[in-house]
Amino acid sequence: MDLPAVGSFVDGCAVRRVGSLPFALLRDRIDELIQVDNDQVCGAIRALYEDTRTLVEPAGALARRRDCSPGPRAGPSAGSPWRRW
């Protein structure tokens, strides 16, 4: 997946395309690539703050955003102790 542009808000993970070597190494270890927008990242930062009173950088909130994805895509994290929104 190639993105036409990337912002600088989640600068620790902002790439237009996943590199071919990293993707080749991880291909068998990942289920999917997802795209999230700034509002979703902000929601994850807020949820982490509300749950733990911890401030995290945007790239660090991405794992939380995935954990809180609604529906069956939540997969193994369905029993997560984190509150879903």
N, C-alpha and C. Protein backbone atom coordinates (compact mmCIF):
# COMPACT_ATOMS: atom_id res chain seq x y z
N MET A 1 0.85 -1.16 0.00
CA MET A 1 0.00 0.00 0.00
C MET A 1 0.90 1.23 0.00
N ASP A 2 0.71 2.09 -0.95
CA ASP A 2 1.44 3.36 -1.01
C ASP A 2 0.48 4.48 -0.64
N LEU A 3 0.92 5.34 0.25
CA LEU A 3 0.12 6.50 0.61
C LEU A 3 0.59 7.70 -0.19
N PRO A 4 -0.33 8.57 -0.61
CA PRO A 4 0.08 9.73 -1.40
C PRO A 4 0.92 10.71 -0.58
N ALA A 5 0.68 10.77 0.72
CA ALA A 5 1.44 11.68 1.59
C ALA A 5 1.29 11.20 3.03
N VAL A 6 2.19 11.62 3.88
CA VAL A 6 2.08 11.31 5.31
C VAL A 6 2.27 12.60 6.09
N GLY A 7 1.60 12.68 7.22
CA GLY A 7 1.74 13.85 8.08
C GLY A 7 2.90 13.66 9.04
N SER A 8 3.12 14.64 9.87
CA SER A 8 4.23 14.55 10.82
C SER A 8 3.76 14.31 12.25
N PHE A 9 2.45 14.12 12.47
CA PHE A 9 1.94 13.93 13.82
C PHE A 9 2.48 12.64 14.44
N VAL A 10 2.42 11.55 13.72
CA VAL A 10 2.93 10.26 14.20
C VAL A 10 4.27 10.04 13.50
N ASP A 11 5.21 10.92 13.75
CA ASP A 11 6.46 10.91 12.99
C ASP A 11 7.30 9.67 13.23
N GLY A 12 7.11 8.97 14.35
CA GLY A 12 7.87 7.75 14.61
C GLY A 12 7.47 6.59 13.73
N CYS A 13 6.31 6.71 13.08
CA CYS A 13 5.81 5.64 12.21
C CYS A 13 5.37 6.14 10.85
N ALA A 14 5.65 7.38 10.54
CA ALA A 14 5.16 7.98 9.30
C ALA A 14 5.99 7.55 8.10
N VAL A 15 5.45 6.62 7.35
CA VAL A 15 6.12 6.17 6.13
C VAL A 15 5.09 6.13 5.01
N ARG A 16 5.52 6.45 3.83
CA ARG A 16 4.61 6.37 2.68
C ARG A 16 4.42 4.93 2.23
N ARG A 17 5.44 4.11 2.46
CA ARG A 17 5.37 2.71 2.06
C ARG A 17 6.26 1.89 3.00
N VAL A 18 5.77 0.72 3.38
CA VAL A 18 6.58 -0.17 4.20
C VAL A 18 7.74 -0.66 3.35
N GLY A 19 8.96 -0.61 3.88
CA GLY A 19 10.14 -1.04 3.13
C GLY A 19 10.06 -2.50 2.74
N SER A 20 10.61 -2.84 1.59
CA SER A 20 10.51 -4.22 1.08
C SER A 20 11.28 -5.21 1.97
N LEU A 21 12.43 -4.84 2.50
CA LEU A 21 13.17 -5.76 3.36
C LEU A 21 12.44 -5.97 4.70
N PRO A 22 12.03 -4.90 5.42
CA PRO A 22 11.28 -5.14 6.65
C PRO A 22 10.00 -5.94 6.40
N PHE A 23 9.30 -5.64 5.30
CA PHE A 23 8.07 -6.37 5.01
C PHE A 23 8.36 -7.85 4.75
N ALA A 24 9.43 -8.13 4.03
CA ALA A 24 9.79 -9.53 3.75
C ALA A 24 10.11 -10.27 5.05
N LEU A 25 10.77 -9.59 5.99
CA LEU A 25 11.10 -10.22 7.26
C LEU A 25 9.87 -10.45 8.14
N LEU A 26 8.89 -9.56 8.05
CA LEU A 26 7.72 -9.63 8.92
C LEU A 26 6.49 -10.26 8.29
N ARG A 27 6.53 -10.52 7.01
CA ARG A 27 5.37 -11.00 6.25
C ARG A 27 4.63 -12.14 6.95
N ASP A 28 5.36 -13.11 7.46
CA ASP A 28 4.74 -14.28 8.09
C ASP A 28 4.38 -14.06 9.55
N ARG A 29 4.68 -12.90 10.08
CA ARG A 29 4.44 -12.64 11.50
C ARG A 29 3.35 -11.60 11.76
N ILE A 30 2.81 -11.01 10.72
CA ILE A 30 1.76 -10.01 10.89
C ILE A 30 0.47 -10.48 10.24
N ASP A 31 -0.64 -10.06 10.81
CA ASP A 31 -1.94 -10.44 10.25
C ASP A 31 -2.41 -9.47 9.19
N GLU A 32 -2.12 -8.18 9.40
CA GLU A 32 -2.59 -7.18 8.45
C GLU A 32 -1.90 -5.85 8.70
N LEU A 33 -1.94 -4.99 7.71
CA LEU A 33 -1.51 -3.59 7.86
C LEU A 33 -2.78 -2.76 7.91
N ILE A 34 -2.84 -1.83 8.83
CA ILE A 34 -4.01 -0.97 8.92
C ILE A 34 -3.57 0.48 8.83
N GLN A 35 -4.47 1.31 8.38
CA GLN A 35 -4.21 2.74 8.29
C GLN A 35 -5.10 3.44 9.30
N VAL A 36 -4.54 4.30 10.11
CA VAL A 36 -5.32 5.06 11.09
C VAL A 36 -5.11 6.54 10.84
N ASP A 37 -6.12 7.33 11.18
CA ASP A 37 -5.99 8.77 10.99
C ASP A 37 -5.64 9.45 12.31
N ASN A 38 -5.37 10.73 12.24
CA ASN A 38 -4.97 11.49 13.43
C ASN A 38 -6.03 11.47 14.52
N ASP A 39 -7.31 11.50 14.15
CA ASP A 39 -8.37 11.46 15.15
C ASP A 39 -8.34 10.15 15.93
N GLN A 40 -8.07 9.05 15.25
CA GLN A 40 -7.99 7.75 15.94
C GLN A 40 -6.79 7.71 16.88
N VAL A 41 -5.68 8.27 16.46
CA VAL A 41 -4.50 8.31 17.32
C VAL A 41 -4.77 9.18 18.54
N CYS A 42 -5.40 10.33 18.33
CA CYS A 42 -5.75 11.21 19.45
C CYS A 42 -6.69 10.51 20.41
N GLY A 43 -7.63 9.74 19.88
CA GLY A 43 -8.54 8.99 20.74
C GLY A 43 -7.80 7.96 21.57
N ALA A 44 -6.80 7.33 20.99
CA ALA A 44 -6.00 6.34 21.73
C ALA A 44 -5.17 7.02 22.81
N ILE A 45 -4.60 8.18 22.50
CA ILE A 45 -3.83 8.93 23.50
C ILE A 45 -4.75 9.31 24.67
N ARG A 46 -5.93 9.79 24.34
CA ARG A 46 -6.87 10.19 25.38
C ARG A 46 -7.29 8.99 26.24
N ALA A 47 -7.60 7.86 25.58
CA ALA A 47 -8.02 6.67 26.33
C ALA A 47 -6.91 6.18 27.25
N LEU A 48 -5.67 6.21 26.78
CA LEU A 48 -4.56 5.81 27.65
C LEU A 48 -4.43 6.75 28.84
N TYR A 49 -4.61 8.03 28.59
CA TYR A 49 -4.54 8.99 29.70
C TYR A 49 -5.66 8.75 30.70
N GLU A 50 -6.86 8.54 30.20
CA GLU A 50 -7.99 8.32 31.10
C GLU A 50 -7.84 7.03 31.90
N ASP A 51 -7.28 5.99 31.29
CA ASP A 51 -7.13 4.71 31.96
C ASP A 51 -5.95 4.67 32.92
N THR A 52 -4.84 5.30 32.54
CA THR A 52 -3.61 5.11 33.31
C THR A 52 -2.98 6.42 33.79
N ARG A 53 -3.54 7.55 33.39
CA ARG A 53 -2.96 8.87 33.68
C ARG A 53 -1.53 8.96 33.16
N THR A 54 -1.32 8.33 32.01
CA THR A 54 -0.02 8.34 31.36
C THR A 54 -0.13 9.08 30.04
N LEU A 55 0.81 9.97 29.77
CA LEU A 55 0.87 10.63 28.46
C LEU A 55 1.85 9.87 27.58
N VAL A 56 1.40 9.53 26.40
CA VAL A 56 2.25 8.79 25.47
C VAL A 56 2.41 9.58 24.19
N GLU A 57 3.48 9.31 23.48
CA GLU A 57 3.66 9.95 22.19
C GLU A 57 2.74 9.27 21.18
N PRO A 58 2.42 9.94 20.08
CA PRO A 58 1.48 9.39 19.11
C PRO A 58 1.88 7.99 18.59
N ALA A 59 3.14 7.77 18.30
CA ALA A 59 3.55 6.45 17.80
C ALA A 59 3.31 5.37 18.85
N GLY A 60 3.48 5.71 20.12
CA GLY A 60 3.24 4.75 21.19
C GLY A 60 1.77 4.43 21.38
N ALA A 61 0.89 5.31 20.94
CA ALA A 61 -0.55 5.09 21.07
C ALA A 61 -1.08 4.16 19.98
N LEU A 62 -0.31 3.88 18.96
CA LEU A 62 -0.82 3.05 17.86
C LEU A 62 -1.20 1.65 18.32
N ALA A 63 -0.43 1.06 19.21
CA ALA A 63 -0.77 -0.27 19.70
C ALA A 63 -2.10 -0.23 20.45
N ARG A 64 -2.34 0.82 21.19
CA ARG A 64 -3.61 0.97 21.90
C ARG A 64 -4.75 1.14 20.91
N ARG A 65 -4.53 1.88 19.86
CA ARG A 65 -5.57 2.08 18.85
C ARG A 65 -5.98 0.75 18.25
N ARG A 66 -5.02 -0.09 17.96
CA ARG A 66 -5.31 -1.40 17.39
C ARG A 66 -6.05 -2.26 18.39
N ASP A 67 -5.66 -2.18 19.65
CA ASP A 67 -6.29 -2.97 20.70
C ASP A 67 -7.76 -2.60 20.85
N CYS A 68 -8.10 -1.38 20.55
CA CYS A 68 -9.47 -0.90 20.76
C CYS A 68 -10.30 -0.88 19.50
N SER A 69 -9.78 -1.44 18.42
CA SER A 69 -10.56 -1.46 17.19
C SER A 69 -11.86 -2.24 17.41
N PRO A 70 -12.98 -1.72 16.94
CA PRO A 70 -14.26 -2.40 17.18
C PRO A 70 -14.42 -3.64 16.31
N GLY A 71 -15.27 -4.52 16.74
CA GLY A 71 -15.65 -5.68 15.94
C GLY A 71 -14.64 -6.80 15.94
N PRO A 72 -14.83 -7.73 15.00
CA PRO A 72 -14.01 -8.93 14.99
C PRO A 72 -12.53 -8.68 14.73
N ARG A 73 -12.17 -7.52 14.19
CA ARG A 73 -10.75 -7.24 13.94
C ARG A 73 -9.97 -7.11 15.23
N ALA A 74 -10.68 -6.99 16.36
CA ALA A 74 -9.99 -6.90 17.64
C ALA A 74 -9.32 -8.23 17.99
N GLY A 75 -9.80 -9.33 17.41
CA GLY A 75 -9.17 -10.65 17.54
C GLY A 75 -8.79 -11.02 18.95
N PRO A 76 -7.52 -11.39 19.16
CA PRO A 76 -7.08 -11.87 20.46
C PRO A 76 -7.23 -10.86 21.58
N SER A 77 -7.35 -9.60 21.24
CA SER A 77 -7.45 -8.59 22.29
C SER A 77 -8.89 -8.42 22.78
N ALA A 78 -9.80 -9.28 22.30
CA ALA A 78 -11.20 -9.14 22.69
C ALA A 78 -11.39 -9.19 24.20
N GLY A 79 -10.52 -9.89 24.93
CA GLY A 79 -10.63 -9.96 26.36
C GLY A 79 -9.77 -8.95 27.08
N SER A 80 -9.29 -7.97 26.36
CA SER A 80 -8.39 -6.96 26.94
C SER A 80 -9.06 -6.23 28.10
N PRO A 81 -8.28 -5.92 29.14
CA PRO A 81 -8.85 -5.17 30.25
C PRO A 81 -9.07 -3.69 29.91
N TRP A 82 -8.57 -3.22 28.79
CA TRP A 82 -8.72 -1.82 28.43
C TRP A 82 -10.15 -1.54 27.98
N ARG A 83 -10.63 -0.38 28.33
CA ARG A 83 -11.97 0.02 27.93
C ARG A 83 -11.98 0.32 26.43
N ARG A 84 -13.02 -0.11 25.78
CA ARG A 84 -13.18 0.19 24.35
C ARG A 84 -14.05 1.41 24.19
N TRP A 85 -13.85 2.16 23.13
CA TRP A 85 -14.69 3.32 22.87
C TRP A 85 -15.30 3.22 21.51
